[in-house]
Amino acid sequence: MSDAGATAVATARYARREVTTEPIYIRRALTGIAVVFLAFFLLLPLVTVFIEALRGGIGAYVTALMDSDALAAIRLTLLVAAISVPANLIFGLAAAWAIAKFEFKGKSFLVTLIDLPFSVSPVTAGLIYVLLFGAHGFFGPWVQDAGIQVIFAVPGIVLATIFVTFPFVARELIPLMQEQGTRDEEAALSLGATGFKTFFRVTLPNVKWALLYGVLLCNARAMGEFGAVSVVSGKIRGQTNTMPLQVEILYNEYMYVAAFAIASLLALLALLTLAVKTALEWRFADSLAGAGNRR
């Protein structure tokens, strides 16, 4: 290598060190700040939930979870998640496929609509459904004449939950599908595959792990949603109370052990979701990166 080339390489290496290397005390200070912040705002409250839940002993903890109202809240929470998550899965796949693979008028408007629940307060979202399907709402008289109760019933809770959770699956899929482009689909179509076969044999396998990742996030939000559900549910004990609403009611009634017991169950579900999410990131990071770079 010539002297000029060696100088250029040395200069480049020095520039990279200057840009990416900080003094050891700065790195330790930043790491310490992050650890203290996480411990104070995340770890400490989480540990407190479990300490308060077990304050009365295992017997009181199990009794609180086996209460009829608590069991009804758990069942309703799982039911709402079981309905809203598949609905958002179908919507997210369809929306991401359309946005990433096709060009059409109103595409940017559709993307904006997908992001709308991120900017609208959940309480406002719940109020919208009350104004639409309440007794004096726009569709209220029609649904009542049909014998369907939406507000203060399971359908209203499901609608509100779908509204606040539907961006999660689509937002995980759209960037990945856009990075992948349409080359694989075009190759499949040129070989005689139909549109649906191309989707199930080519598109879906390429995004399956991102899809599962989005479903996990959607499920976690669906089970933990409070604001929108509290507006449309009516908080009827044993009927329209989800787990977050049951926690609020028990806490307001000074039944702290029971409230924290259900809260700990929600925390366990959140931790399980986080564990699965982390496992997916570790296990399939290379696959996702490879899919994103393949064009």
Protein backbone atom coordinates (compact mmCIF):
# COMPACT_ATOMS: atom_id res chain seq x y z
CA MET A 1 0.00 0.00 0.00
CA SER A 2 1.30 3.49 -0.84
CA ASP A 3 2.02 6.09 1.80
CA ALA A 4 -1.00 8.10 0.64
CA GLY A 5 -3.26 5.04 0.95
CA ALA A 6 -1.94 4.19 4.41
CA THR A 7 -2.47 7.78 5.52
CA ALA A 8 -6.04 7.73 4.22
CA VAL A 9 -6.81 4.49 6.08
CA ALA A 10 -5.29 5.82 9.30
CA THR A 11 -7.24 9.05 8.97
CA ALA A 12 -10.48 7.13 8.44
CA ARG A 13 -9.85 4.94 11.48
CA TYR A 14 -9.07 7.96 13.62
CA ALA A 15 -12.25 9.70 12.46
CA ARG A 16 -14.33 6.65 13.35
CA ARG A 17 -12.77 6.55 16.82
CA GLU A 18 -13.51 10.23 17.33
CA VAL A 19 -17.14 9.78 16.31
CA THR A 20 -17.95 6.53 18.13
CA THR A 21 -15.69 6.50 21.21
CA GLU A 22 -16.42 8.49 24.36
CA PRO A 23 -14.43 8.76 27.59
CA ILE A 24 -15.06 5.92 30.02
CA TYR A 25 -16.60 8.20 32.65
CA ILE A 26 -19.23 9.45 30.18
CA ARG A 27 -20.20 5.92 29.22
CA ARG A 28 -20.45 4.88 32.86
CA ALA A 29 -22.46 7.99 33.73
CA LEU A 30 -24.94 7.41 30.91
CA THR A 31 -25.25 3.73 31.82
CA GLY A 32 -25.80 4.62 35.47
CA ILE A 33 -28.49 7.16 34.61
CA ALA A 34 -30.29 4.61 32.45
CA VAL A 35 -30.11 1.92 35.16
CA VAL A 36 -31.35 4.27 37.89
CA PHE A 37 -34.16 5.53 35.69
CA LEU A 38 -35.32 2.01 34.81
CA ALA A 39 -35.04 0.82 38.40
CA PHE A 40 -36.99 3.77 39.80
CA PHE A 41 -39.73 4.09 37.19
CA LEU A 42 -40.12 0.47 36.01
CA LEU A 43 -38.59 -2.13 38.30
CA LEU A 44 -39.61 -0.60 41.64
CA PRO A 45 -43.33 -0.21 40.74
CA LEU A 46 -43.40 -3.73 39.31
CA VAL A 47 -41.86 -5.24 42.43
CA THR A 48 -44.25 -3.21 44.59
CA VAL A 49 -47.24 -4.72 42.77
CA PHE A 50 -46.16 -8.25 43.66
CA ILE A 51 -45.23 -7.32 47.24
CA GLU A 52 -48.65 -5.78 47.85
CA ALA A 53 -50.41 -8.67 46.13
CA LEU A 54 -48.73 -11.17 48.45
CA ARG A 55 -48.96 -9.06 51.60
CA GLY A 56 -51.86 -11.17 52.91
CA GLY A 57 -50.17 -14.45 52.03
CA ILE A 58 -50.66 -16.99 49.27
CA GLY A 59 -54.10 -17.94 50.59
CA ALA A 60 -55.43 -14.40 50.32
CA TYR A 61 -53.82 -14.04 46.90
CA VAL A 62 -55.50 -17.17 45.54
CA THR A 63 -58.82 -16.24 47.16
CA ALA A 64 -58.73 -12.82 45.46
CA LEU A 65 -58.13 -14.40 42.06
CA MET A 66 -60.84 -17.03 42.56
CA ASP A 67 -63.50 -14.47 43.44
CA SER A 68 -66.49 -14.66 41.08
CA ASP A 69 -66.14 -11.04 39.94
CA ALA A 70 -62.40 -11.50 39.38
CA LEU A 71 -62.97 -14.66 37.34
CA ALA A 72 -65.63 -12.87 35.29
CA ALA A 73 -63.18 -10.02 34.63
CA ILE A 74 -60.46 -12.46 33.59
CA ARG A 75 -62.82 -14.30 31.24
CA LEU A 76 -64.05 -11.05 29.68
CA THR A 77 -60.50 -9.78 29.18
CA LEU A 78 -59.47 -12.99 27.43
CA LEU A 79 -62.66 -12.96 25.33
CA VAL A 80 -62.11 -9.38 24.17
CA ALA A 81 -58.49 -10.14 23.30
CA ALA A 82 -59.53 -13.32 21.48
CA ILE A 83 -61.88 -11.28 19.26
CA SER A 84 -59.94 -8.05 18.77
CA VAL A 85 -56.50 -9.55 18.10
CA PRO A 86 -57.58 -11.80 15.15
CA ALA A 87 -59.61 -8.90 13.76
CA ASN A 88 -56.54 -6.65 13.87
CA LEU A 89 -54.40 -9.43 12.44
CA ILE A 90 -56.63 -9.65 9.36
CA PHE A 91 -56.83 -5.87 9.02
CA GLY A 92 -53.09 -5.42 9.56
CA LEU A 93 -52.18 -8.00 6.93
CA ALA A 94 -54.60 -6.55 4.38
CA ALA A 95 -53.57 -2.94 5.01
CA ALA A 96 -49.83 -3.66 5.00
CA TRP A 97 -50.10 -5.75 1.84
CA ALA A 98 -52.05 -3.04 0.04
CA ILE A 99 -49.78 -0.20 1.18
CA ALA A 100 -46.47 -1.97 0.57
CA LYS A 101 -47.25 -3.86 -2.62
CA PHE A 102 -49.65 -1.66 -4.59
CA GLU A 103 -50.02 1.94 -5.73
CA PHE A 104 -53.46 3.53 -5.45
CA LYS A 105 -55.12 6.87 -4.78
CA GLY A 106 -55.56 7.69 -1.11
CA LYS A 107 -52.61 5.57 -0.02
CA SER A 108 -51.12 8.27 2.20
CA PHE A 109 -54.55 8.94 3.68
CA LEU A 110 -54.87 5.26 4.62
CA VAL A 111 -51.49 5.38 6.35
CA THR A 112 -52.66 8.44 8.29
CA LEU A 113 -55.83 6.65 9.36
CA ILE A 114 -53.80 3.69 10.61
CA ASP A 115 -51.81 6.04 12.85
CA LEU A 116 -54.93 7.83 14.13
CA PRO A 117 -55.40 5.75 17.33
CA PHE A 118 -51.86 6.71 18.39
CA SER A 119 -52.89 10.38 18.52
CA VAL A 120 -56.49 10.07 19.78
CA SER A 121 -57.04 9.72 23.51
CA PRO A 122 -58.54 6.31 24.41
CA VAL A 123 -61.21 8.09 26.45
CA THR A 124 -62.15 10.08 23.36
CA ALA A 125 -62.30 6.86 21.35
CA GLY A 126 -64.71 5.36 23.88
CA LEU A 127 -66.83 8.49 23.84
CA ILE A 128 -67.07 8.28 20.05
CA TYR A 129 -68.72 4.86 20.32
CA VAL A 130 -71.09 6.14 23.00
CA LEU A 131 -72.14 8.95 20.66
CA LEU A 132 -72.59 6.47 17.82
CA PHE A 133 -74.28 3.53 19.56
CA GLY A 134 -75.67 5.02 22.77
CA ALA A 135 -79.40 5.30 23.43
CA HIS A 136 -79.43 8.78 21.89
CA GLY A 137 -76.59 8.17 19.46
CA PHE A 138 -76.64 8.18 15.68
CA PHE A 139 -77.09 4.40 15.35
CA GLY A 140 -78.55 3.89 18.82
CA PRO A 141 -82.24 3.58 17.89
CA TRP A 142 -81.44 1.21 15.02
CA VAL A 143 -79.37 -1.22 17.08
CA GLN A 144 -81.95 -1.13 19.88
CA ASP A 145 -84.73 -1.94 17.44
CA ALA A 146 -82.63 -4.87 16.23
CA GLY A 147 -82.29 -6.08 19.81
CA ILE A 148 -78.53 -5.49 19.92
CA GLN A 149 -76.89 -3.80 22.88
CA VAL A 150 -73.53 -2.26 22.07
CA ILE A 151 -72.82 0.23 24.84
CA PHE A 152 -72.49 -1.25 28.35
CA ALA A 153 -72.07 -4.68 26.77
CA VAL A 154 -69.38 -6.86 25.23
CA PRO A 155 -69.77 -5.54 21.63
CA GLY A 156 -68.92 -2.00 22.73
CA ILE A 157 -65.88 -3.19 24.66
CA VAL A 158 -64.69 -5.15 21.63
CA LEU A 159 -65.18 -2.19 19.27
CA ALA A 160 -63.30 0.18 21.57
CA THR A 161 -60.46 -2.31 22.00
CA ILE A 162 -60.16 -2.88 18.26
CA PHE A 163 -59.97 0.88 17.70
CA VAL A 164 -57.09 1.46 20.10
CA THR A 165 -55.13 -1.63 19.01
CA PHE A 166 -55.50 -1.87 15.26
CA PRO A 167 -52.27 0.04 14.34
CA PHE A 168 -49.96 -2.46 16.05
CA VAL A 169 -49.97 -5.30 13.52
CA ALA A 170 -50.04 -3.04 10.46
CA ARG A 171 -47.22 -0.85 11.75
CA GLU A 172 -44.97 -3.87 12.29
CA LEU A 173 -45.61 -5.22 8.79
CA ILE A 174 -45.60 -2.12 6.59
CA PRO A 175 -41.88 -1.18 6.91
CA LEU A 176 -40.75 -4.80 6.43
CA MET A 177 -42.96 -5.33 3.38
CA GLN A 178 -41.77 -2.06 1.88
CA GLU A 179 -38.14 -3.10 2.40
CA GLN A 180 -38.77 -6.47 0.75
CA GLY A 181 -40.33 -4.86 -2.31
CA THR A 182 -42.28 -6.87 -4.89
CA ARG A 183 -39.50 -8.88 -6.54
CA ASP A 184 -40.41 -12.22 -4.91
CA GLU A 185 -44.11 -11.80 -5.69
CA GLU A 186 -43.38 -10.87 -9.30
CA ALA A 187 -41.20 -13.97 -9.68
CA ALA A 188 -43.95 -16.19 -8.27
CA LEU A 189 -46.56 -14.67 -10.56
CA SER A 190 -44.30 -15.09 -13.59
CA LEU A 191 -44.06 -18.80 -12.75
CA GLY A 192 -47.85 -19.13 -12.85
CA ALA A 193 -48.80 -18.79 -9.19
CA THR A 194 -52.15 -17.20 -8.40
CA GLY A 195 -52.46 -14.09 -6.26
CA PHE A 196 -53.60 -15.97 -3.16
CA LYS A 197 -50.99 -18.70 -3.58
CA THR A 198 -48.33 -16.02 -3.91
CA PHE A 199 -49.55 -14.42 -0.70
CA PHE A 200 -49.59 -17.63 1.32
CA ARG A 201 -46.42 -19.16 -0.17
CA VAL A 202 -44.23 -16.06 -0.58
CA THR A 203 -45.48 -12.91 1.16
CA LEU A 204 -46.71 -14.45 4.41
CA PRO A 205 -43.60 -16.60 5.12
CA ASN A 206 -41.41 -13.52 4.60
CA VAL A 207 -43.23 -11.55 7.30
CA LYS A 208 -44.37 -14.28 9.68
CA TRP A 209 -42.09 -13.31 12.55
CA ALA A 210 -42.87 -9.61 12.27
CA LEU A 211 -46.55 -10.60 12.16
CA LEU A 212 -46.21 -12.60 15.36
CA TYR A 213 -44.34 -9.70 16.95
CA GLY A 214 -47.19 -7.32 16.07
CA VAL A 215 -49.78 -9.77 17.39
CA LEU A 216 -47.96 -9.97 20.72
CA LEU A 217 -47.94 -6.19 21.09
CA CYS A 218 -51.58 -5.99 20.03
CA ASN A 219 -52.57 -8.66 22.56
CA ALA A 220 -50.72 -6.92 25.38
CA ARG A 221 -52.46 -3.62 24.66
CA ALA A 222 -55.86 -5.30 24.27
CA MET A 223 -55.66 -6.97 27.68
CA GLY A 224 -54.37 -3.85 29.41
CA GLU A 225 -56.64 -1.22 27.80
CA PHE A 226 -58.43 0.95 30.36
CA GLY A 227 -59.52 4.35 29.03
CA ALA A 228 -61.69 3.44 26.05
CA VAL A 229 -63.13 0.37 27.76
CA SER A 230 -64.04 2.29 30.91
CA VAL A 231 -66.23 4.67 28.88
CA VAL A 232 -68.22 2.04 26.97
CA SER A 233 -68.43 -0.72 29.57
CA GLY A 234 -70.52 0.89 32.30
CA LYS A 235 -68.34 -0.99 34.84
CA ILE A 236 -71.01 -3.53 35.69
CA ARG A 237 -69.47 -5.97 38.16
CA GLY A 238 -69.38 -9.52 36.94
CA GLN A 239 -70.57 -8.51 33.46
CA THR A 240 -68.63 -5.70 31.77
CA ASN A 241 -65.58 -5.29 33.96
CA THR A 242 -62.27 -6.24 32.40
CA MET A 243 -59.22 -6.85 34.58
CA PRO A 244 -57.98 -3.23 34.55
CA LEU A 245 -61.46 -1.97 35.47
CA GLN A 246 -61.75 -4.55 38.24
CA VAL A 247 -58.42 -3.36 39.66
CA GLU A 248 -59.71 0.21 39.80
CA ILE A 249 -62.97 -0.78 41.50
CA LEU A 250 -61.26 -2.92 44.13
CA TYR A 251 -58.68 -0.24 44.84
CA ASN A 252 -61.36 2.43 45.27
CA GLU A 253 -63.12 0.11 47.73
CA TYR A 254 -59.88 -0.22 49.77
CA MET A 255 -59.56 -3.91 48.91
CA TYR A 256 -55.87 -3.52 48.25
CA VAL A 257 -54.79 -7.16 48.34
CA ALA A 258 -57.45 -8.17 45.80
CA ALA A 259 -56.67 -5.16 43.59
CA PHE A 260 -52.95 -5.87 43.55
CA ALA A 261 -53.57 -9.58 43.01
CA ILE A 262 -55.35 -8.90 39.73
CA ALA A 263 -52.80 -6.22 38.88
CA SER A 264 -50.04 -8.78 39.40
CA LEU A 265 -51.78 -11.12 36.98
CA LEU A 266 -51.80 -8.34 34.39
CA ALA A 267 -48.12 -7.73 35.13
CA LEU A 268 -47.35 -11.42 34.66
CA LEU A 269 -49.11 -11.38 31.28
CA ALA A 270 -47.07 -8.31 30.32
CA LEU A 271 -43.83 -9.99 31.41
CA LEU A 272 -44.73 -13.11 29.45
CA THR A 273 -45.37 -10.99 26.37
CA LEU A 274 -42.03 -9.24 26.89
CA ALA A 275 -40.23 -12.58 27.26
CA VAL A 276 -41.72 -13.95 24.04
CA LYS A 277 -40.98 -10.66 22.25
CA THR A 278 -37.34 -10.75 23.39
CA ALA A 279 -37.00 -14.40 22.40
CA LEU A 280 -38.29 -13.60 18.93
CA GLU A 281 -35.84 -10.71 18.59
CA TRP A 282 -32.89 -12.89 19.62
CA ARG A 283 -33.89 -15.95 17.66
CA PHE A 284 -35.06 -14.40 14.40
CA ALA A 285 -33.17 -11.09 14.18
CA ASP A 286 -30.95 -12.44 11.41
CA SER A 287 -33.95 -13.80 9.49
CA LEU A 288 -35.75 -10.47 9.72
CA ALA A 289 -32.65 -8.55 8.65
CA GLY A 290 -32.07 -10.94 5.77
CA ALA A 291 -35.65 -10.61 4.63
CA GLY A 292 -35.38 -6.83 4.78
CA ASN A 293 -32.20 -6.78 2.71
CA ARG A 294 -33.41 -9.21 0.07
CA ARG A 295 -34.71 -7.36 -3.00
